[in-house]
Amino acid sequence: MLRNRFLRLRSLIVIVLVATVTTLCAQPPRGPQARSPQVHSDGRVTFEYLAPEAETVLLDGGQFGARDLPMEMDTNGIWRVTYGPITPDIYPYAFKVDGVTVSDPANVDIFANERFKASLVDIPGSVPLDHAIRDVPHGNVHYVYYSSDILDTIRRMLIYTPPGFEAGGDRQYPVLYLIHGGSDTEETWYKVGRANFIADNLIADGEAVPMLIVMPYGNVRPAPMADFTRDVVEEIIPYVEANYPVVADAEHRAVAGFSVGGGQTLNIGLTNTDKFAYVCSYAPWTRTEEFQKNFGDWDPDAEAINENLELFTLSVGTDDFLYESVLQNIADFRAEGIELEANVTDGGHTWMNCKKYLATTLRQIFRPAR
């Protein structure tokens, strides 16, 4: 009987081995694979793109200096180029394949945007940057859906909760409402701006207070852009305050945003200084009907606004295409007697600057009253 069991076991092993070999042999051999991006220790980066039938492939990395850089194809059909060293930061890039711009299929990090689909490359610094993933306590980012009667639709927003957050706990938190740029999405401050990691790091270092960061979807076309102001004030804020342990007063609310979102920040914050004590606008796009309606023929109660606002900042880079426009905004608000802090830096209209502006804002807001 023992011998029969042994023979049956041996037969079973043979069947399994034959089936395994047959399965492996039935699978086609893997072809060449592109590995991209490859970030080297010296700050150089190798980019690869598999396109054996293409006639030309260019690296489109203008924000780190490699605009339309020719790539060379090897015998496996992989186009390749190494560029750098690149100044540490997170940058968008793409490939131009026979004139068609495409994202990097070998890279899962995609720029969240409705008009272009660039990929992202993260060049770490020798000293961790504000957005770096560090060994500190981390918060969470939640995808949340809410019903907007103002816009007559279901909309999505992201909400960052800080380390140690307990939905049913006794602690109540302040809230930053953070708005993306035009054609960006509610994910852009998370996936490109790394708002969560910046907050994690600054909270761990004692440079920012624990807070919620609400990242709504700001594009409301074809509805009038002014409807987004109502959506924030009448829908989003009540939703957050009904579902999260937050302090429901102006001293514990801030609004900030970039580009079109920077213009929306001004429209939302400065027309509701009874609801926001902190208004921080980054390179705002203000050539809109809503902005003109709000501030074109403005006769503000400057004393009341200054009394309500703990902080009002306007930020812009000297290479930003909106630089002169923002300087005019600064001058116009000051001419009306509105107190503000101007934050003029180097750099352009980029998310590299956005991360710096956000880090500055997080260090400033919700501090003890001046």
Protein backbone atom coordinates (compact mmCIF):
# COMPACT_ATOMS: atom_id res chain seq x y z
CA MET A 1 0.00 0.00 0.00
CA LEU A 2 2.87 2.38 0.84
CA ARG A 3 4.40 1.63 -2.57
CA ASN A 4 1.08 2.49 -4.30
CA ARG A 5 0.88 5.82 -2.46
CA PHE A 6 4.43 6.64 -3.53
CA LEU A 7 3.63 5.84 -7.16
CA ARG A 8 0.50 8.01 -7.08
CA LEU A 9 2.46 10.91 -5.51
CA ARG A 10 5.22 10.59 -8.12
CA SER A 11 2.64 10.59 -10.92
CA LEU A 12 1.03 13.73 -9.47
CA ILE A 13 4.40 15.53 -9.29
CA VAL A 14 5.13 14.60 -12.91
CA ILE A 15 1.72 15.93 -14.03
CA VAL A 16 2.25 19.23 -12.20
CA LEU A 17 5.74 19.66 -13.65
CA VAL A 18 4.52 18.91 -17.18
CA ALA A 19 1.63 21.36 -16.80
CA THR A 20 3.98 24.06 -15.48
CA VAL A 21 6.49 23.58 -18.30
CA THR A 22 3.67 23.57 -20.86
CA THR A 23 2.28 26.83 -19.47
CA LEU A 24 5.68 28.51 -19.46
CA CYS A 25 6.42 27.35 -22.98
CA ALA A 26 3.02 28.55 -24.19
CA GLN A 27 3.67 32.14 -23.12
CA PRO A 28 5.33 34.33 -25.74
CA PRO A 29 8.77 35.69 -24.90
CA ARG A 30 8.81 39.21 -23.46
CA GLY A 31 10.09 41.86 -25.77
CA PRO A 32 12.25 44.83 -24.86
CA GLN A 33 10.96 46.97 -22.00
CA ALA A 34 11.52 50.68 -21.46
CA ARG A 35 12.50 51.74 -17.93
CA SER A 36 11.69 55.38 -17.40
CA PRO A 37 12.47 57.64 -15.72
CA GLN A 38 15.70 56.43 -14.13
CA VAL A 39 16.88 59.02 -11.60
CA HIS A 40 20.61 58.73 -10.94
CA SER A 41 22.40 59.70 -7.74
CA ASP A 42 24.09 62.67 -9.42
CA GLY A 43 20.76 64.26 -10.43
CA ARG A 44 20.89 63.11 -14.03
CA VAL A 45 17.86 61.29 -15.40
CA THR A 46 17.59 58.70 -18.16
CA PHE A 47 14.35 58.68 -20.13
CA GLU A 48 13.31 55.78 -22.38
CA TYR A 49 10.46 55.23 -24.81
CA LEU A 50 9.73 52.06 -26.81
CA ALA A 51 8.76 52.95 -30.37
CA PRO A 52 10.61 50.82 -32.98
CA GLU A 53 8.51 52.21 -35.85
CA ALA A 54 8.90 55.90 -34.93
CA GLU A 55 11.05 58.21 -37.01
CA THR A 56 11.75 60.76 -34.28
CA VAL A 57 11.23 60.92 -30.51
CA LEU A 58 11.94 64.08 -28.52
CA LEU A 59 12.01 64.63 -24.77
CA ASP A 60 9.69 67.50 -23.85
CA GLY A 61 10.98 68.60 -20.45
CA GLY A 62 11.04 72.36 -20.83
CA GLN A 63 10.52 73.10 -17.15
CA PHE A 64 13.87 71.50 -16.31
CA GLY A 65 15.65 72.80 -19.42
CA ALA A 66 15.23 69.91 -21.86
CA ARG A 67 12.82 71.31 -24.43
CA ASP A 68 12.48 69.07 -27.50
CA LEU A 69 15.68 67.19 -26.75
CA PRO A 70 16.41 64.53 -29.45
CA MET A 71 16.51 60.92 -28.27
CA GLU A 72 18.42 58.06 -29.93
CA MET A 73 17.04 54.60 -30.73
CA ASP A 74 18.94 51.41 -29.95
CA THR A 75 18.68 48.08 -31.78
CA ASN A 76 15.71 47.04 -29.62
CA GLY A 77 13.59 50.00 -30.69
CA ILE A 78 14.02 51.87 -27.38
CA TRP A 79 14.65 55.59 -27.67
CA ARG A 80 16.84 56.92 -24.90
CA VAL A 81 18.43 60.12 -23.61
CA THR A 82 20.15 61.09 -20.35
CA TYR A 83 19.87 64.69 -19.19
CA GLY A 84 21.11 66.69 -16.24
CA PRO A 85 21.99 67.15 -13.52
CA ILE A 86 18.55 68.60 -12.79
CA THR A 87 17.84 70.85 -9.82
CA PRO A 88 15.93 68.79 -7.22
CA ASP A 89 12.14 69.14 -7.50
CA ILE A 90 9.14 67.51 -9.18
CA TYR A 91 8.81 68.27 -12.88
CA PRO A 92 6.37 67.45 -15.69
CA TYR A 93 7.66 65.94 -18.91
CA ALA A 94 6.37 64.14 -21.99
CA PHE A 95 7.59 62.64 -25.28
CA LYS A 96 6.96 63.93 -28.78
CA VAL A 97 6.67 60.88 -31.02
CA ASP A 98 6.66 61.89 -34.69
CA GLY A 99 5.20 65.21 -33.58
CA VAL A 100 2.54 63.77 -31.25
CA THR A 101 2.92 64.58 -27.54
CA VAL A 102 2.36 61.58 -25.26
CA SER A 103 2.96 60.77 -21.59
CA ASP A 104 5.51 58.18 -20.49
CA PRO A 105 3.79 54.74 -20.53
CA ALA A 106 6.50 53.35 -18.24
CA ASN A 107 5.70 55.88 -15.51
CA VAL A 108 2.62 55.66 -13.27
CA ASP A 109 3.02 59.24 -11.98
CA ILE A 110 0.77 61.35 -14.21
CA PHE A 111 0.08 65.08 -13.97
CA ALA A 112 -3.61 65.45 -13.04
CA ASN A 113 -4.94 67.81 -15.72
CA GLU A 114 -7.88 67.92 -18.13
CA ARG A 115 -6.00 69.29 -21.15
CA PHE A 116 -2.60 67.59 -21.12
CA LYS A 117 -1.27 64.33 -19.70
CA ALA A 118 2.33 64.91 -18.77
CA SER A 119 4.27 62.49 -16.60
CA LEU A 120 6.15 63.48 -13.44
CA VAL A 121 9.76 62.96 -12.42
CA ASP A 122 10.84 63.55 -8.82
CA ILE A 123 14.49 64.57 -8.34
CA PRO A 124 15.33 64.23 -4.63
CA GLY A 125 17.58 66.72 -2.90
CA SER A 126 20.56 65.95 -0.68
CA VAL A 127 18.48 67.64 2.03
CA PRO A 128 14.81 66.53 1.84
CA LEU A 129 12.58 69.15 0.22
CA ASP A 130 9.30 70.20 1.81
CA HIS A 131 7.36 67.72 -0.34
CA ALA A 132 9.68 64.73 0.20
CA ILE A 133 8.32 61.51 1.69
CA ARG A 134 9.97 61.41 5.10
CA ASP A 135 9.88 59.03 8.05
CA VAL A 136 7.32 61.05 9.96
CA PRO A 137 3.69 60.39 10.97
CA HIS A 138 1.46 60.64 7.91
CA GLY A 139 -2.08 61.83 7.49
CA ASN A 140 -4.63 60.44 5.05
CA VAL A 141 -6.23 61.72 1.86
CA HIS A 142 -9.90 60.85 1.42
CA TYR A 143 -11.90 60.96 -1.82
CA VAL A 144 -15.29 62.46 -0.93
CA TYR A 145 -18.47 62.97 -2.97
CA TYR A 146 -21.07 65.59 -2.14
CA SER A 147 -24.28 66.78 -3.76
CA SER A 148 -24.21 70.37 -4.98
CA ASP A 149 -27.63 71.97 -5.40
CA ILE A 150 -25.87 75.11 -6.67
CA LEU A 151 -24.34 73.24 -9.61
CA ASP A 152 -27.06 70.56 -9.79
CA THR A 153 -24.62 67.64 -9.80
CA ILE A 154 -22.60 65.24 -7.67
CA ARG A 155 -19.06 66.55 -7.26
CA ARG A 156 -15.82 65.17 -5.86
CA MET A 157 -13.23 66.67 -3.55
CA LEU A 158 -10.20 65.40 -1.68
CA ILE A 159 -9.82 65.94 2.05
CA TYR A 160 -6.51 65.60 3.87
CA THR A 161 -6.75 64.69 7.55
CA PRO A 162 -3.59 65.11 9.65
CA PRO A 163 -1.67 62.43 11.58
CA GLY A 164 -3.56 61.26 14.63
CA PHE A 165 -6.91 62.44 13.27
CA GLU A 166 -9.94 60.72 14.82
CA ALA A 167 -13.32 61.37 13.23
CA GLY A 168 -15.06 60.77 16.55
CA GLY A 169 -12.44 62.37 18.72
CA ASP A 170 -12.72 65.43 20.92
CA ARG A 171 -10.18 67.52 19.01
CA GLN A 172 -11.46 70.06 16.51
CA TYR A 173 -9.34 71.28 13.60
CA PRO A 174 -8.98 74.35 11.41
CA VAL A 175 -9.56 73.97 7.66
CA LEU A 176 -7.66 75.17 4.60
CA TYR A 177 -9.71 75.21 1.38
CA LEU A 178 -7.13 74.75 -1.37
CA ILE A 179 -8.04 75.37 -5.03
CA HIS A 180 -6.23 74.12 -8.15
CA GLY A 181 -5.44 75.97 -11.38
CA GLY A 182 -7.45 76.13 -14.57
CA SER A 183 -7.75 72.74 -16.38
CA ASP A 184 -6.21 71.06 -13.32
CA THR A 185 -8.41 68.83 -11.19
CA GLU A 186 -9.20 68.19 -7.54
CA GLU A 187 -6.29 65.72 -7.56
CA THR A 188 -3.60 68.15 -8.71
CA TRP A 189 -2.71 69.59 -5.29
CA TYR A 190 -2.40 65.99 -4.09
CA LYS A 191 -0.61 64.28 -6.98
CA VAL A 192 1.50 67.22 -8.23
CA GLY A 193 1.56 69.70 -5.36
CA ARG A 194 2.05 66.96 -2.74
CA ALA A 195 0.03 69.01 -0.26
CA ASN A 196 -0.33 66.02 2.04
CA PHE A 197 3.41 65.35 2.35
CA ILE A 198 4.19 69.05 2.79
CA ALA A 199 1.65 69.22 5.61
CA ASP A 200 2.95 65.97 7.17
CA ASN A 201 6.51 67.27 7.23
CA LEU A 202 5.72 70.73 8.56
CA ILE A 203 3.41 69.36 11.26
CA ALA A 204 6.10 66.87 12.32
CA ASP A 205 8.64 69.70 12.53
CA GLY A 206 6.29 71.89 14.53
CA GLU A 207 6.17 74.46 11.74
CA ALA A 208 2.47 74.02 10.95
CA VAL A 209 -0.55 73.26 13.09
CA PRO A 210 -2.55 70.10 12.39
CA MET A 211 -5.38 70.98 10.02
CA LEU A 212 -7.73 69.60 7.41
CA ILE A 213 -7.00 70.52 3.80
CA VAL A 214 -10.02 70.43 1.50
CA MET A 215 -9.21 70.22 -2.21
CA PRO A 216 -12.40 70.78 -4.24
CA TYR A 217 -12.94 70.54 -7.99
CA GLY A 218 -12.95 74.16 -9.13
CA ASN A 219 -13.91 73.87 -12.80
CA VAL A 220 -17.61 74.61 -13.19
CA ARG A 221 -17.95 75.33 -16.91
CA PRO A 222 -20.35 75.62 -18.66
CA ALA A 223 -21.88 77.13 -15.51
CA PRO A 224 -20.66 80.65 -14.66
CA MET A 225 -17.40 80.60 -12.72
CA ALA A 226 -19.10 82.72 -10.05
CA ASP A 227 -21.15 79.66 -9.12
CA PHE A 228 -18.01 78.09 -7.65
CA THR A 229 -17.89 80.80 -4.99
CA ARG A 230 -21.44 79.88 -3.98
CA ASP A 231 -20.58 76.17 -4.15
CA VAL A 232 -17.72 76.65 -1.69
CA VAL A 233 -19.65 78.86 0.71
CA GLU A 234 -23.09 77.24 0.54
CA GLU A 235 -22.25 73.58 -0.18
CA ILE A 236 -18.66 72.59 0.58
CA ILE A 237 -18.14 74.40 3.88
CA PRO A 238 -21.45 73.15 5.35
CA TYR A 239 -20.64 69.61 4.18
CA VAL A 240 -17.21 69.66 5.81
CA GLU A 241 -18.50 71.15 9.04
CA ALA A 242 -21.35 68.63 9.25
CA ASN A 243 -19.11 65.61 8.69
CA TYR A 244 -15.73 66.44 10.24
CA PRO A 245 -14.66 67.71 13.70
CA VAL A 246 -13.67 71.24 12.68
CA VAL A 247 -13.99 74.67 14.25
CA ALA A 248 -16.78 76.49 12.43
CA ASP A 249 -15.64 80.10 12.52
CA ALA A 250 -13.65 82.48 10.33
CA GLU A 251 -10.54 82.36 12.53
CA HIS A 252 -10.22 78.66 11.72
CA ARG A 253 -10.86 78.87 7.97
CA ALA A 254 -8.37 79.70 5.23
CA VAL A 255 -8.63 79.73 1.45
CA ALA A 256 -5.74 79.50 -1.01
CA GLY A 257 -5.30 78.70 -4.68
CA PHE A 258 -3.14 78.89 -7.79
CA SER A 259 -3.68 80.64 -11.13
CA VAL A 260 -7.42 80.45 -11.95
CA GLY A 261 -7.74 79.04 -8.43
CA GLY A 262 -5.79 82.05 -7.18
CA GLY A 263 -8.37 84.32 -8.78
CA GLN A 264 -11.15 82.24 -7.26
CA THR A 265 -9.40 82.56 -3.90
CA LEU A 266 -9.65 86.35 -4.13
CA ASN A 267 -13.29 86.19 -5.21
CA ILE A 268 -14.20 83.75 -2.44
CA GLY A 269 -12.07 85.17 0.36
CA LEU A 270 -12.31 88.91 -0.08
CA THR A 271 -16.08 88.88 -0.56
CA ASN A 272 -16.49 86.72 2.54
CA THR A 273 -14.06 88.06 5.12
CA ASP A 274 -16.66 87.20 7.75
CA LYS A 275 -16.03 83.55 6.83
CA PHE A 276 -12.26 83.45 6.14
CA ALA A 277 -9.52 85.00 8.27
CA TYR A 278 -6.76 83.85 5.87
CA VAL A 279 -6.67 84.52 2.12
CA CYS A 280 -3.56 83.38 0.22
CA SER A 281 -3.51 83.75 -3.55
CA TYR A 282 -0.76 82.27 -5.75
CA ALA A 283 -0.15 83.89 -9.17
CA PRO A 284 -3.86 84.65 -9.58
CA TRP A 285 -5.58 84.82 -12.96
CA THR A 286 -7.96 87.76 -12.48
CA ARG A 287 -9.11 88.47 -16.04
CA THR A 288 -12.57 87.11 -15.40
CA GLU A 289 -16.07 88.56 -15.32
CA GLU A 290 -16.44 87.55 -11.68
CA PHE A 291 -13.29 89.39 -10.62
CA GLN A 292 -14.27 92.49 -12.59
CA LYS A 293 -17.75 92.43 -11.08
CA ASN A 294 -16.36 92.07 -7.55
CA PHE A 295 -13.44 94.47 -7.74
CA GLY A 296 -13.74 96.60 -10.89
CA ASP A 297 -15.72 99.34 -9.19
CA TRP A 298 -14.96 98.39 -5.61
CA ASP A 299 -15.58 100.66 -2.64
CA PRO A 300 -14.55 98.40 0.22
CA ASP A 301 -14.76 98.96 3.95
CA ALA A 302 -10.98 98.56 4.25
CA GLU A 303 -11.00 98.98 8.02
CA ALA A 304 -13.46 96.12 8.48
CA ILE A 305 -11.63 93.87 6.00
CA ASN A 306 -8.28 94.49 7.67
CA GLU A 307 -9.85 93.80 11.04
CA ASN A 308 -11.33 90.51 9.83
CA LEU A 309 -8.27 89.19 8.00
CA GLU A 310 -5.42 87.70 10.00
CA LEU A 311 -3.42 87.23 6.78
CA PHE A 312 -3.82 88.27 3.16
CA THR A 313 -0.98 87.32 0.78
CA LEU A 314 -0.35 87.52 -2.95
CA SER A 315 2.51 85.41 -4.36
CA VAL A 316 4.11 85.43 -7.81
CA GLY A 317 7.39 84.59 -9.53
CA THR A 318 9.41 87.12 -11.50
CA ASP A 319 9.32 84.84 -14.58
CA ASP A 320 5.59 84.21 -14.30
CA PHE A 321 3.61 85.41 -17.33
CA LEU A 322 1.19 86.95 -14.79
CA TYR A 323 3.96 88.83 -12.96
CA GLU A 324 2.96 92.33 -14.11
CA SER A 325 -0.73 91.54 -13.64
CA VAL A 326 -0.20 90.39 -10.05
CA LEU A 327 1.93 93.45 -9.27
CA GLN A 328 -1.01 95.55 -10.49
CA ASN A 329 -3.38 93.55 -8.28
CA ILE A 330 -1.10 94.23 -5.31
CA ALA A 331 -1.02 97.95 -6.09
CA ASP A 332 -4.80 98.11 -6.60
CA PHE A 333 -5.62 96.42 -3.29
CA ARG A 334 -3.16 98.60 -1.41
CA ALA A 335 -4.64 101.68 -3.06
CA GLU A 336 -7.98 100.69 -1.53
CA GLY A 337 -6.32 100.55 1.89
CA ILE A 338 -6.27 96.74 2.08
CA GLU A 339 -3.32 95.39 4.06
CA LEU A 340 -1.53 92.54 2.32
CA GLU A 341 1.77 90.70 2.24
CA ALA A 342 3.45 90.47 -1.17
CA ASN A 343 5.54 87.34 -1.72
CA VAL A 344 7.64 87.85 -4.86
CA THR A 345 9.99 84.98 -5.70
CA ASP A 346 11.98 83.79 -8.66
CA GLY A 347 10.53 81.18 -11.03
CA GLY A 348 7.54 81.02 -13.31
CA HIS A 349 3.93 79.92 -13.45
CA THR A 350 4.75 76.41 -12.28
CA TRP A 351 3.82 73.85 -9.70
CA MET A 352 7.39 74.02 -8.43
CA ASN A 353 6.53 77.51 -7.20
CA CYS A 354 3.10 76.34 -5.99
CA LYS A 355 4.68 73.91 -3.55
CA LYS A 356 6.89 76.68 -2.16
CA TYR A 357 3.93 79.03 -1.77
CA LEU A 358 1.86 76.36 -0.03
CA ALA A 359 4.70 75.55 2.38
CA THR A 360 4.95 79.26 3.24
CA THR A 361 1.19 79.48 3.77
CA LEU A 362 1.04 76.40 6.00
CA ARG A 363 3.71 77.95 8.22
CA GLN A 364 1.65 81.15 8.59
CA ILE A 365 -1.99 80.23 9.00
CA PHE A 366 -3.89 79.36 12.18
CA ARG A 367 -1.17 80.78 14.40
CA PRO A 368 -2.07 82.77 17.55
CA ALA A 369 -3.76 86.06 16.81
CA ARG A 370 -1.43 88.93 16.00
